[in-house]
Amino acid sequence: MLLQHLINGLSIGSIYALIAMGYNMVYGILELLNFAHGDVYAVGCFAALGLLTMGVHPALAIMAGIIVGFVINLFVEKLAYRPVRYSGRVTPTITAVGIAYIMRNAILKIWGPETFAFDIGVRGSNLQFGGIIIGTLQIYILLIAVSCMIGITLYLKKTKTGQGIIAISQSIPTAALMGVPVNRTISIVYGIGGALGVIGGILFCIYYDSIFIGIGFALGTIKAWMASIIGGVGSLKGAVMGAIMLGLMESMVSGYVSTLYKDAIVWLLLIAFVLIKPQGLFPAQVAEKI
């Protein structure tokens, strides 16, 4: 029974990790909370749904949704965030909330408030080992999530743009003096965050076979933020570990306590954790400027 809950927790935690990584990449560079993250990738998920209902092949529909999330975040960064980048923290936060409401109302206008089935036409089978049941869909989700995490890590460490992202996270003025194209690099970070969010959101929709207007707020704003707090805000490693821990906590509480009070109990655990270790498990390393 315990192993079953661990597997379930790892599956949902890996989905949270993809979304939290996109959330934390922005904070790691600009130290700004992108509260529009969830609603931006929700548009990408609904775009994929729209193409699926039109009969487009699931792979093409999902790829198009990822591209939509990437492109929308590029425009949001350029039009909404860049002009107020150096205006403190309050103004960008208000801007982010405004963008979130715009995106959410756009979804409401086009698709309405209903919950829709999200069927890509792939029915996974179950593998049984004793009393443990592992769905092939869970395996696919874990493989996709781990591949994305490894890909992002290699991208940051092995590519010129990735090194530019790391440099900007240390100091934007210094990175600019060293020839790093600051605006373009920051836009890429937002785009990658949007793409990761759409991947995580679509995996969530496939896992639960449904999509609804609140998917952005429920996953992007709440779950990703909770995972970031647990792991350490601004740390990619913290985002992944915090998301996995969050998924495991939800699975254990659902299995051993109650699914009805799952969110309330998890929030109580989170509050207790913050009181004990407010910086998270892997706080972002910030260089002290002397």
C-alpha atoms as a PDB file:
ATOM      1  CA  MET A   1       0.000   0.000   0.000  1.00  0.00           C
ATOM      2  CA  LEU A   2       2.799   2.383   0.882  1.00  0.00           C
ATOM      3  CA  LEU A   3       4.588   1.733  -2.427  1.00  0.00           C
ATOM      4  CA  GLN A   4       1.351   2.383  -4.302  1.00  0.00           C
ATOM      5  CA  HIS A   5       0.983   5.794  -2.663  1.00  0.00           C
ATOM      6  CA  LEU A   6       4.652   6.558  -3.359  1.00  0.00           C
ATOM      7  CA  ILE A   7       4.178   5.824  -7.065  1.00  0.00           C
ATOM      8  CA  ASN A   8       1.029   7.945  -7.228  1.00  0.00           C
ATOM      9  CA  GLY A   9       2.789  10.772  -5.384  1.00  0.00           C
ATOM     10  CA  LEU A  10       5.787  10.673  -7.715  1.00  0.00           C
ATOM     11  CA  SER A  11       3.503  10.848 -10.757  1.00  0.00           C
ATOM     12  CA  ILE A  12       1.589  13.927  -9.658  1.00  0.00           C
ATOM     13  CA  GLY A  13       4.691  15.458  -8.072  1.00  0.00           C
ATOM     14  CA  SER A  14       6.591  15.267 -11.357  1.00  0.00           C
ATOM     15  CA  ILE A  15       3.768  17.234 -13.005  1.00  0.00           C
ATOM     16  CA  TYR A  16       3.963  19.878 -10.291  1.00  0.00           C
ATOM     17  CA  ALA A  17       7.740  19.976 -10.803  1.00  0.00           C
ATOM     18  CA  LEU A  18       7.473  21.010 -14.464  1.00  0.00           C
ATOM     19  CA  ILE A  19       5.139  23.863 -13.592  1.00  0.00           C
ATOM     20  CA  ALA A  20       7.187  24.963 -10.568  1.00  0.00           C
ATOM     21  CA  MET A  21      10.393  24.997 -12.635  1.00  0.00           C
ATOM     22  CA  GLY A  22       8.918  27.553 -15.017  1.00  0.00           C
ATOM     23  CA  TYR A  23       7.696  29.573 -12.051  1.00  0.00           C
ATOM     24  CA  ASN A  24      11.075  29.493 -10.317  1.00  0.00           C
ATOM     25  CA  MET A  25      13.136  30.300 -13.415  1.00  0.00           C
ATOM     26  CA  VAL A  26      11.560  33.758 -13.565  1.00  0.00           C
ATOM     27  CA  TYR A  27      11.998  34.366  -9.842  1.00  0.00           C
ATOM     28  CA  GLY A  28      15.579  33.107  -9.941  1.00  0.00           C
ATOM     29  CA  ILE A  29      16.485  35.829 -12.456  1.00  0.00           C
ATOM     30  CA  LEU A  30      14.278  38.808 -11.610  1.00  0.00           C
ATOM     31  CA  GLU A  31      13.100  37.951  -8.072  1.00  0.00           C
ATOM     32  CA  LEU A  32       9.557  38.685  -9.247  1.00  0.00           C
ATOM     33  CA  LEU A  33       6.540  36.472  -8.623  1.00  0.00           C
ATOM     34  CA  ASN A  34       4.931  35.707 -11.971  1.00  0.00           C
ATOM     35  CA  PHE A  35       1.354  35.235 -10.796  1.00  0.00           C
ATOM     36  CA  ALA A  36       0.213  35.091 -14.428  1.00  0.00           C
ATOM     37  CA  HIS A  37       2.216  31.906 -15.006  1.00  0.00           C
ATOM     38  CA  GLY A  38      -0.701  29.554 -14.392  1.00  0.00           C
ATOM     39  CA  ASP A  39      -3.248  31.359 -16.536  1.00  0.00           C
ATOM     40  CA  VAL A  40      -0.789  31.805 -19.401  1.00  0.00           C
ATOM     41  CA  TYR A  41      -0.071  28.084 -19.673  1.00  0.00           C
ATOM     42  CA  ALA A  42      -3.796  27.369 -19.194  1.00  0.00           C
ATOM     43  CA  VAL A  43      -4.368  29.156 -22.522  1.00  0.00           C
ATOM     44  CA  GLY A  44      -1.857  26.768 -24.123  1.00  0.00           C
ATOM     45  CA  CYS A  45      -3.683  23.774 -22.652  1.00  0.00           C
ATOM     46  CA  PHE A  46      -7.045  25.006 -23.937  1.00  0.00           C
ATOM     47  CA  ALA A  47      -5.491  25.709 -27.335  1.00  0.00           C
ATOM     48  CA  ALA A  48      -4.436  22.052 -27.461  1.00  0.00           C
ATOM     49  CA  LEU A  49      -7.981  21.055 -26.461  1.00  0.00           C
ATOM     50  CA  GLY A  50      -9.437  23.179 -29.252  1.00  0.00           C
ATOM     51  CA  LEU A  51      -7.218  21.505 -31.847  1.00  0.00           C
ATOM     52  CA  LEU A  52      -8.065  18.062 -30.475  1.00  0.00           C
ATOM     53  CA  THR A  53     -11.789  18.753 -30.863  1.00  0.00           C
ATOM     54  CA  MET A  54     -11.111  19.819 -34.474  1.00  0.00           C
ATOM     55  CA  GLY A  55      -9.625  16.417 -35.179  1.00  0.00           C
ATOM     56  CA  VAL A  56      -5.955  17.422 -35.221  1.00  0.00           C
ATOM     57  CA  HIS A  57      -3.526  14.632 -34.352  1.00  0.00           C
ATOM     58  CA  PRO A  58      -2.854  14.638 -30.574  1.00  0.00           C
ATOM     59  CA  ALA A  59       0.920  15.028 -31.007  1.00  0.00           C
ATOM     60  CA  LEU A  60       0.464  18.088 -33.241  1.00  0.00           C
ATOM     61  CA  ALA A  61      -2.210  19.540 -30.951  1.00  0.00           C
ATOM     62  CA  ILE A  62       0.026  19.175 -27.893  1.00  0.00           C
ATOM     63  CA  MET A  63       3.020  20.650 -29.717  1.00  0.00           C
ATOM     64  CA  ALA A  64       0.901  23.587 -30.859  1.00  0.00           C
ATOM     65  CA  GLY A  65      -0.279  24.152 -27.283  1.00  0.00           C
ATOM     66  CA  ILE A  66       3.320  24.216 -26.060  1.00  0.00           C
ATOM     67  CA  ILE A  67       4.233  26.743 -28.761  1.00  0.00           C
ATOM     68  CA  VAL A  68       1.223  28.885 -27.805  1.00  0.00           C
ATOM     69  CA  GLY A  69       2.371  28.943 -24.179  1.00  0.00           C
ATOM     70  CA  PHE A  70       5.908  29.863 -25.266  1.00  0.00           C
ATOM     71  CA  VAL A  71       4.815  32.665 -27.610  1.00  0.00           C
ATOM     72  CA  ILE A  72       2.210  34.165 -25.271  1.00  0.00           C
ATOM     73  CA  ASN A  73       4.773  34.432 -22.485  1.00  0.00           C
ATOM     74  CA  LEU A  74       7.180  36.164 -24.887  1.00  0.00           C
ATOM     75  CA  PHE A  75       4.561  38.822 -25.644  1.00  0.00           C
ATOM     76  CA  VAL A  76       3.497  39.126 -22.002  1.00  0.00           C
ATOM     77  CA  GLU A  77       7.101  39.715 -20.941  1.00  0.00           C
ATOM     78  CA  LYS A  78       7.708  42.289 -23.665  1.00  0.00           C
ATOM     79  CA  LEU A  79       4.457  44.229 -23.340  1.00  0.00           C
ATOM     80  CA  ALA A  80       3.589  43.895 -19.645  1.00  0.00           C
ATOM     81  CA  TYR A  81       6.674  43.035 -17.602  1.00  0.00           C
ATOM     82  CA  ARG A  82       9.603  44.675 -19.370  1.00  0.00           C
ATOM     83  CA  PRO A  83       8.303  48.274 -19.063  1.00  0.00           C
ATOM     84  CA  VAL A  84       7.962  47.887 -15.269  1.00  0.00           C
ATOM     85  CA  ARG A  85      10.990  45.648 -14.674  1.00  0.00           C
ATOM     86  CA  TYR A  86      12.806  48.209 -12.529  1.00  0.00           C
ATOM     87  CA  SER A  87       9.727  49.645 -10.797  1.00  0.00           C
ATOM     88  CA  GLY A  88      10.127  47.704  -7.570  1.00  0.00           C
ATOM     89  CA  ARG A  89       8.070  44.626  -6.730  1.00  0.00           C
ATOM     90  CA  VAL A  90       4.575  46.006  -6.247  1.00  0.00           C
ATOM     91  CA  THR A  91       3.993  47.285  -9.796  1.00  0.00           C
ATOM     92  CA  PRO A  92       5.123  44.079 -11.586  1.00  0.00           C
ATOM     93  CA  THR A  93       2.992  42.030  -9.170  1.00  0.00           C
ATOM     94  CA  ILE A  94      -0.088  44.112  -9.952  1.00  0.00           C
ATOM     95  CA  THR A  95       0.699  43.753 -13.662  1.00  0.00           C
ATOM     96  CA  ALA A  96       0.985  39.985 -13.298  1.00  0.00           C
ATOM     97  CA  VAL A  97      -2.381  39.775 -11.546  1.00  0.00           C
ATOM     98  CA  GLY A  98      -3.911  41.871 -14.330  1.00  0.00           C
ATOM     99  CA  ILE A  99      -2.489  39.593 -17.025  1.00  0.00           C
ATOM    100  CA  ALA A 100      -3.799  36.561 -15.125  1.00  0.00           C
ATOM    101  CA  TYR A 101      -7.332  37.981 -15.105  1.00  0.00           C
ATOM    102  CA  ILE A 102      -7.123  38.846 -18.801  1.00  0.00           C
ATOM    103  CA  MET A 103      -6.034  35.309 -19.693  1.00  0.00           C
ATOM    104  CA  ARG A 104      -8.653  33.705 -17.451  1.00  0.00           C
ATOM    105  CA  ASN A 105     -11.443  35.806 -18.921  1.00  0.00           C
ATOM    106  CA  ALA A 106     -10.238  35.019 -22.436  1.00  0.00           C
ATOM    107  CA  ILE A 107     -10.585  31.305 -21.614  1.00  0.00           C
ATOM    108  CA  LEU A 108     -14.006  31.958 -20.105  1.00  0.00           C
ATOM    109  CA  LYS A 109     -15.140  33.874 -23.186  1.00  0.00           C
ATOM    110  CA  ILE A 110     -13.992  31.246 -25.694  1.00  0.00           C
ATOM    111  CA  TRP A 111     -14.581  27.954 -23.865  1.00  0.00           C
ATOM    112  CA  GLY A 112     -16.912  28.823 -21.001  1.00  0.00           C
ATOM    113  CA  PRO A 113     -16.823  27.624 -17.378  1.00  0.00           C
ATOM    114  CA  GLU A 114     -17.509  23.941 -18.087  1.00  0.00           C
ATOM    115  CA  THR A 115     -15.181  21.060 -17.354  1.00  0.00           C
ATOM    116  CA  PHE A 116     -14.197  19.257 -20.549  1.00  0.00           C
ATOM    117  CA  ALA A 117     -12.877  15.769 -21.166  1.00  0.00           C
ATOM    118  CA  PHE A 118      -9.267  15.788 -22.316  1.00  0.00           C
ATOM    119  CA  ASP A 119      -8.878  12.656 -24.394  1.00  0.00           C
ATOM    120  CA  ILE A 120      -5.837  12.164 -26.625  1.00  0.00           C
ATOM    121  CA  GLY A 121      -7.007   8.736 -27.739  1.00  0.00           C
ATOM    122  CA  VAL A 122      -4.370   6.795 -25.818  1.00  0.00           C
ATOM    123  CA  ARG A 123      -5.592   4.324 -23.231  1.00  0.00           C
ATOM    124  CA  GLY A 124      -2.877   3.174 -20.912  1.00  0.00           C
ATOM    125  CA  SER A 125      -2.825  -0.298 -19.457  1.00  0.00           C
ATOM    126  CA  ASN A 126      -1.981  -1.340 -15.912  1.00  0.00           C
ATOM    127  CA  LEU A 127       1.016  -3.337 -14.772  1.00  0.00           C
ATOM    128  CA  GLN A 128       0.474  -5.272 -11.563  1.00  0.00           C
ATOM    129  CA  PHE A 129       3.252  -6.412  -9.263  1.00  0.00           C
ATOM    130  CA  GLY A 130       1.720  -8.154  -6.280  1.00  0.00           C
ATOM    131  CA  GLY A 131      -0.608  -5.598  -4.753  1.00  0.00           C
ATOM    132  CA  ILE A 132       0.975  -2.647  -6.578  1.00  0.00           C
ATOM    133  CA  ILE A 133      -0.675  -1.306  -9.728  1.00  0.00           C
ATOM    134  CA  ILE A 134       1.404   0.917 -11.997  1.00  0.00           C
ATOM    135  CA  GLY A 135      -0.333   2.520 -14.944  1.00  0.00           C
ATOM    136  CA  THR A 136       1.660   2.861 -18.137  1.00  0.00           C
ATOM    137  CA  LEU A 137       0.385   6.449 -18.224  1.00  0.00           C
ATOM    138  CA  GLN A 138       2.170   7.074 -14.915  1.00  0.00           C
ATOM    139  CA  ILE A 139       5.370   5.689 -16.418  1.00  0.00           C
ATOM    140  CA  TYR A 140       5.034   7.952 -19.463  1.00  0.00           C
ATOM    141  CA  ILE A 141       4.439  10.977 -17.254  1.00  0.00           C
ATOM    142  CA  LEU A 142       7.522  10.229 -15.157  1.00  0.00           C
ATOM    143  CA  LEU A 143       9.672   9.686 -18.264  1.00  0.00           C
ATOM    144  CA  ILE A 144       8.472  12.903 -19.912  1.00  0.00           C
ATOM    145  CA  ALA A 145       8.912  14.938 -16.723  1.00  0.00           C
ATOM    146  CA  VAL A 146      12.397  13.577 -16.021  1.00  0.00           C
ATOM    147  CA  SER A 147      13.428  14.132 -19.653  1.00  0.00           C
ATOM    148  CA  CYS A 148      12.283  17.772 -19.487  1.00  0.00           C
ATOM    149  CA  MET A 149      14.124  18.331 -16.206  1.00  0.00           C
ATOM    150  CA  ILE A 150      17.340  16.831 -17.592  1.00  0.00           C
ATOM    151  CA  GLY A 151      16.924  18.814 -20.813  1.00  0.00           C
ATOM    152  CA  ILE A 152      16.532  22.129 -18.981  1.00  0.00           C
ATOM    153  CA  THR A 153      19.533  21.362 -16.758  1.00  0.00           C
ATOM    154  CA  LEU A 154      21.727  20.569 -19.763  1.00  0.00           C
ATOM    155  CA  TYR A 155      20.431  23.631 -21.596  1.00  0.00           C
ATOM    156  CA  LEU A 156      21.448  25.894 -18.718  1.00  0.00           C
ATOM    157  CA  LYS A 157      24.871  24.312 -18.262  1.00  0.00           C
ATOM    158  CA  LYS A 158      25.926  23.472 -21.821  1.00  0.00           C
ATOM    159  CA  THR A 159      24.565  26.230 -24.072  1.00  0.00           C
ATOM    160  CA  LYS A 160      25.614  29.827 -24.540  1.00  0.00           C
ATOM    161  CA  THR A 161      22.095  31.103 -23.873  1.00  0.00           C
ATOM    162  CA  GLY A 162      21.886  28.938 -20.762  1.00  0.00           C
ATOM    163  CA  GLN A 163      25.109  30.442 -19.467  1.00  0.00           C
ATOM    164  CA  GLY A 164      23.655  33.871 -20.195  1.00  0.00           C
ATOM    165  CA  ILE A 165      20.601  32.999 -18.095  1.00  0.00           C
ATOM    166  CA  ILE A 166      22.843  31.973 -15.211  1.00  0.00           C
ATOM    167  CA  ALA A 167      24.883  35.172 -15.580  1.00  0.00           C
ATOM    168  CA  ILE A 168      21.758  37.347 -15.523  1.00  0.00           C
ATOM    169  CA  SER A 169      20.536  35.551 -12.412  1.00  0.00           C
ATOM    170  CA  GLN A 170      23.715  36.700 -10.683  1.00  0.00           C
ATOM    171  CA  SER A 171      23.683  40.318 -11.848  1.00  0.00           C
ATOM    172  CA  ILE A 172      21.811  41.906 -14.747  1.00  0.00           C
ATOM    173  CA  PRO A 173      24.120  44.979 -15.072  1.00  0.00           C
ATOM    174  CA  THR A 174      27.271  42.824 -15.002  1.00  0.00           C
ATOM    175  CA  ALA A 175      25.823  40.372 -17.528  1.00  0.00           C
ATOM    176  CA  ALA A 176      24.969  43.280 -19.825  1.00  0.00           C
ATOM    177  CA  LEU A 177      28.546  44.605 -19.571  1.00  0.00           C
ATOM    178  CA  MET A 178      29.814  41.137 -20.520  1.00  0.00           C
ATOM    179  CA  GLY A 179      27.777  41.216 -23.728  1.00  0.00           C
ATOM    180  CA  VAL A 180      24.780  39.124 -22.681  1.00  0.00           C
ATOM    181  CA  PRO A 181      21.615  40.298 -24.526  1.00  0.00           C
ATOM    182  CA  VAL A 182      19.575  40.885 -21.400  1.00  0.00           C
ATOM    183  CA  ASN A 183      16.127  41.539 -22.881  1.00  0.00           C
ATOM    184  CA  ARG A 184      16.285  38.628 -25.309  1.00  0.00           C
ATOM    185  CA  THR A 185      17.577  36.237 -22.662  1.00  0.00           C
ATOM    186  CA  ILE A 186      14.900  37.191 -20.149  1.00  0.00           C
ATOM    187  CA  SER A 187      12.250  36.746 -22.858  1.00  0.00           C
ATOM    188  CA  ILE A 188      13.579  33.244 -23.508  1.00  0.00           C
ATOM    189  CA  VAL A 189      13.285  32.442 -19.800  1.00  0.00           C
ATOM    190  CA  TYR A 190       9.644  33.517 -19.820  1.00  0.00           C
ATOM    191  CA  GLY A 191       9.039  31.505 -22.997  1.00  0.00           C
ATOM    192  CA  ILE A 192      10.619  28.373 -21.541  1.00  0.00           C
ATOM    193  CA  GLY A 193       8.581  28.829 -18.369  1.00  0.00           C
ATOM    194  CA  GLY A 194       5.384  29.013 -20.428  1.00  0.00           C
ATOM    195  CA  ALA A 195       6.316  25.911 -22.430  1.00  0.00           C
ATOM    196  CA  LEU A 196       7.134  23.908 -19.293  1.00  0.00           C
ATOM    197  CA  GLY A 197       3.849  25.019 -17.767  1.00  0.00           C
ATOM    198  CA  VAL A 198       1.882  23.807 -20.786  1.00  0.00           C
ATOM    199  CA  ILE A 199       3.680  20.442 -20.723  1.00  0.00           C
ATOM    200  CA  GLY A 200       2.901  20.020 -17.039  1.00  0.00           C
ATOM    201  CA  GLY A 201      -0.673  21.229 -17.488  1.00  0.00           C
ATOM    202  CA  ILE A 202      -1.341  18.866 -20.398  1.00  0.00           C
ATOM    203  CA  LEU A 203       0.121  15.936 -18.467  1.00  0.00           C
ATOM    204  CA  PHE A 204      -2.212  16.833 -15.584  1.00  0.00           C
ATOM    205  CA  CYS A 205      -5.196  16.965 -17.958  1.00  0.00           C
ATOM    206  CA  ILE A 206      -4.254  13.600 -19.472  1.00  0.00           C
ATOM    207  CA  TYR A 207      -3.734  12.073 -16.021  1.00  0.00           C
ATOM    208  CA  TYR A 208      -7.185  13.160 -14.793  1.00  0.00           C
ATOM    209  CA  ASP A 209      -8.823  13.077 -18.248  1.00  0.00           C
ATOM    210  CA  SER A 210     -10.304  16.553 -17.783  1.00  0.00           C
ATOM    211  CA  ILE A 211      -9.581  20.261 -18.154  1.00  0.00           C
ATOM    212  CA  PHE A 212     -11.287  23.246 -16.516  1.00  0.00           C
ATOM    213  CA  ILE A 213     -10.901  27.007 -16.371  1.00  0.00           C
ATOM    214  CA  GLY A 214      -9.248  26.940 -12.949  1.00  0.00           C
ATOM    215  CA  ILE A 215      -6.384  24.665 -14.001  1.00  0.00           C
ATOM    216  CA  GLY A 216      -4.007  27.620 -14.174  1.00  0.00           C
ATOM    217  CA  PHE A 217      -4.830  28.929 -10.723  1.00  0.00           C
ATOM    218  CA  ALA A 218      -5.045  25.497  -9.092  1.00  0.00           C
ATOM    219  CA  LEU A 219      -1.725  24.248 -10.468  1.00  0.00           C
ATOM    220  CA  GLY A 220       0.290  27.296 -11.489  1.00  0.00           C
ATOM    221  CA  THR A 221      -0.509  29.731  -8.714  1.00  0.00           C
ATOM    222  CA  ILE A 222      -1.251  27.416  -5.790  1.00  0.00           C
ATOM    223  CA  LYS A 223       0.615  24.142  -6.338  1.00  0.00           C
ATOM    224  CA  ALA A 224       3.697  25.647  -7.974  1.00  0.00           C
ATOM    225  CA  TRP A 225       3.937  28.272  -5.246  1.00  0.00           C
ATOM    226  CA  MET A 226       3.583  25.654  -2.522  1.00  0.00           C
ATOM    227  CA  ALA A 227       6.278  23.503  -4.163  1.00  0.00           C
ATOM    228  CA  SER A 228       8.562  26.536  -4.462  1.00  0.00           C
ATOM    229  CA  ILE A 229       8.135  27.395  -0.786  1.00  0.00           C
ATOM    230  CA  ILE A 230       8.949  23.832   0.252  1.00  0.00           C
ATOM    231  CA  GLY A 231      11.967  23.512  -2.018  1.00  0.00           C
ATOM    232  CA  GLY A 232      13.240  27.073  -1.907  1.00  0.00           C
ATOM    233  CA  VAL A 233      11.972  29.992  -3.982  1.00  0.00           C
ATOM    234  CA  GLY A 234      14.279  30.723  -6.925  1.00  0.00           C
ATOM    235  CA  SER A 235      16.017  27.333  -6.895  1.00  0.00           C
ATOM    236  CA  LEU A 236      15.350  24.899  -9.761  1.00  0.00           C
ATOM    237  CA  LYS A 237      16.544  21.978  -7.662  1.00  0.00           C
ATOM    238  CA  GLY A 238      14.284  23.216  -4.894  1.00  0.00           C
ATOM    239  CA  ALA A 239      11.343  23.470  -7.297  1.00  0.00           C
ATOM    240  CA  VAL A 240      11.746  19.836  -8.332  1.00  0.00           C
ATOM    241  CA  MET A 241      12.268  18.460  -4.833  1.00  0.00           C
ATOM    242  CA  GLY A 242       9.512  20.620  -3.352  1.00  0.00           C
ATOM    243  CA  ALA A 243       7.069  19.481  -6.039  1.00  0.00           C
ATOM    244  CA  ILE A 244       7.913  15.821  -5.461  1.00  0.00           C
ATOM    245  CA  MET A 245       7.439  16.274  -1.716  1.00  0.00           C
ATOM    246  CA  LEU A 246       4.121  18.028  -2.304  1.00  0.00           C
ATOM    247  CA  GLY A 247       2.923  15.200  -4.538  1.00  0.00           C
ATOM    248  CA  LEU A 248       3.960  12.614  -1.960  1.00  0.00           C
ATOM    249  CA  MET A 249       2.243  14.518   0.859  1.00  0.00           C
ATOM    250  CA  GLU A 250      -0.995  14.717  -1.118  1.00  0.00           C
ATOM    251  CA  SER A 251      -0.850  11.024  -1.971  1.00  0.00           C
ATOM    252  CA  MET A 252      -0.137   9.970   1.622  1.00  0.00           C
ATOM    253  CA  VAL A 253      -2.836  12.201   3.100  1.00  0.00           C
ATOM    254  CA  SER A 254      -5.353  10.962   0.522  1.00  0.00           C
ATOM    255  CA  GLY A 255      -4.436   7.339   1.171  1.00  0.00           C
ATOM    256  CA  TYR A 256      -4.161   7.314   4.946  1.00  0.00           C
ATOM    257  CA  VAL A 257      -6.374  10.197   6.099  1.00  0.00           C
ATOM    258  CA  SER A 258      -8.997  11.565   3.717  1.00  0.00           C
ATOM    259  CA  THR A 259      -9.261  12.919   0.183  1.00  0.00           C
ATOM    260  CA  LEU A 260     -11.984  15.279   1.408  1.00  0.00           C
ATOM    261  CA  TYR A 261      -9.618  17.216   3.665  1.00  0.00           C
ATOM    262  CA  LYS A 262      -6.477  16.632   1.609  1.00  0.00           C
ATOM    263  CA  ASP A 263      -5.817  20.258   0.660  1.00  0.00           C
ATOM    264  CA  ALA A 264      -6.535  21.576   4.164  1.00  0.00           C
ATOM    265  CA  ILE A 265      -4.176  19.072   5.782  1.00  0.00           C
ATOM    266  CA  VAL A 266      -1.446  19.683   3.211  1.00  0.00           C
ATOM    267  CA  TRP A 267      -1.724  23.430   3.842  1.00  0.00           C
ATOM    268  CA  LEU A 268      -1.377  22.837   7.581  1.00  0.00           C
ATOM    269  CA  LEU A 269       1.746  20.781   6.932  1.00  0.00           C
ATOM    270  CA  LEU A 270       3.075  23.542   4.696  1.00  0.00           C
ATOM    271  CA  ILE A 271       2.512  26.197   7.367  1.00  0.00           C
ATOM    272  CA  ALA A 272       4.304  24.020   9.920  1.00  0.00           C
ATOM    273  CA  PHE A 273       7.192  23.508   7.488  1.00  0.00           C
ATOM    274  CA  VAL A 274       7.493  27.250   6.816  1.00  0.00           C
ATOM    275  CA  LEU A 275       7.641  27.969  10.537  1.00  0.00           C
ATOM    276  CA  ILE A 276      10.473  25.461  10.949  1.00  0.00           C
ATOM    277  CA  LYS A 277      12.425  26.146   7.734  1.00  0.00           C
ATOM    278  CA  PRO A 278      11.170  29.346   6.069  1.00  0.00           C
ATOM    279  CA  GLN A 279      13.897  29.394   3.380  1.00  0.00           C
ATOM    280  CA  GLY A 280      12.956  25.964   2.057  1.00  0.00           C
ATOM    281  CA  LEU A 281      15.034  22.830   1.618  1.00  0.00           C
ATOM    282  CA  PHE A 282      17.314  24.262  -1.091  1.00  0.00           C
ATOM    283  CA  PRO A 283      17.301  28.055  -0.835  1.00  0.00           C
ATOM    284  CA  ALA A 284      18.602  29.903  -3.867  1.00  0.00           C
ATOM    285  CA  GLN A 285      22.234  30.905  -3.565  1.00  0.00           C
ATOM    286  CA  VAL A 286      22.468  34.668  -3.788  1.00  0.00           C
ATOM    287  CA  ALA A 287      25.881  36.243  -3.999  1.00  0.00           C
ATOM    288  CA  GLU A 288      26.420  39.008  -1.482  1.00  0.00           C
ATOM    289  CA  LYS A 289      27.521  42.257  -3.138  1.00  0.00           C
ATOM    290  CA  ILE A 290      30.148  44.174  -1.172  1.00  0.00           C
END
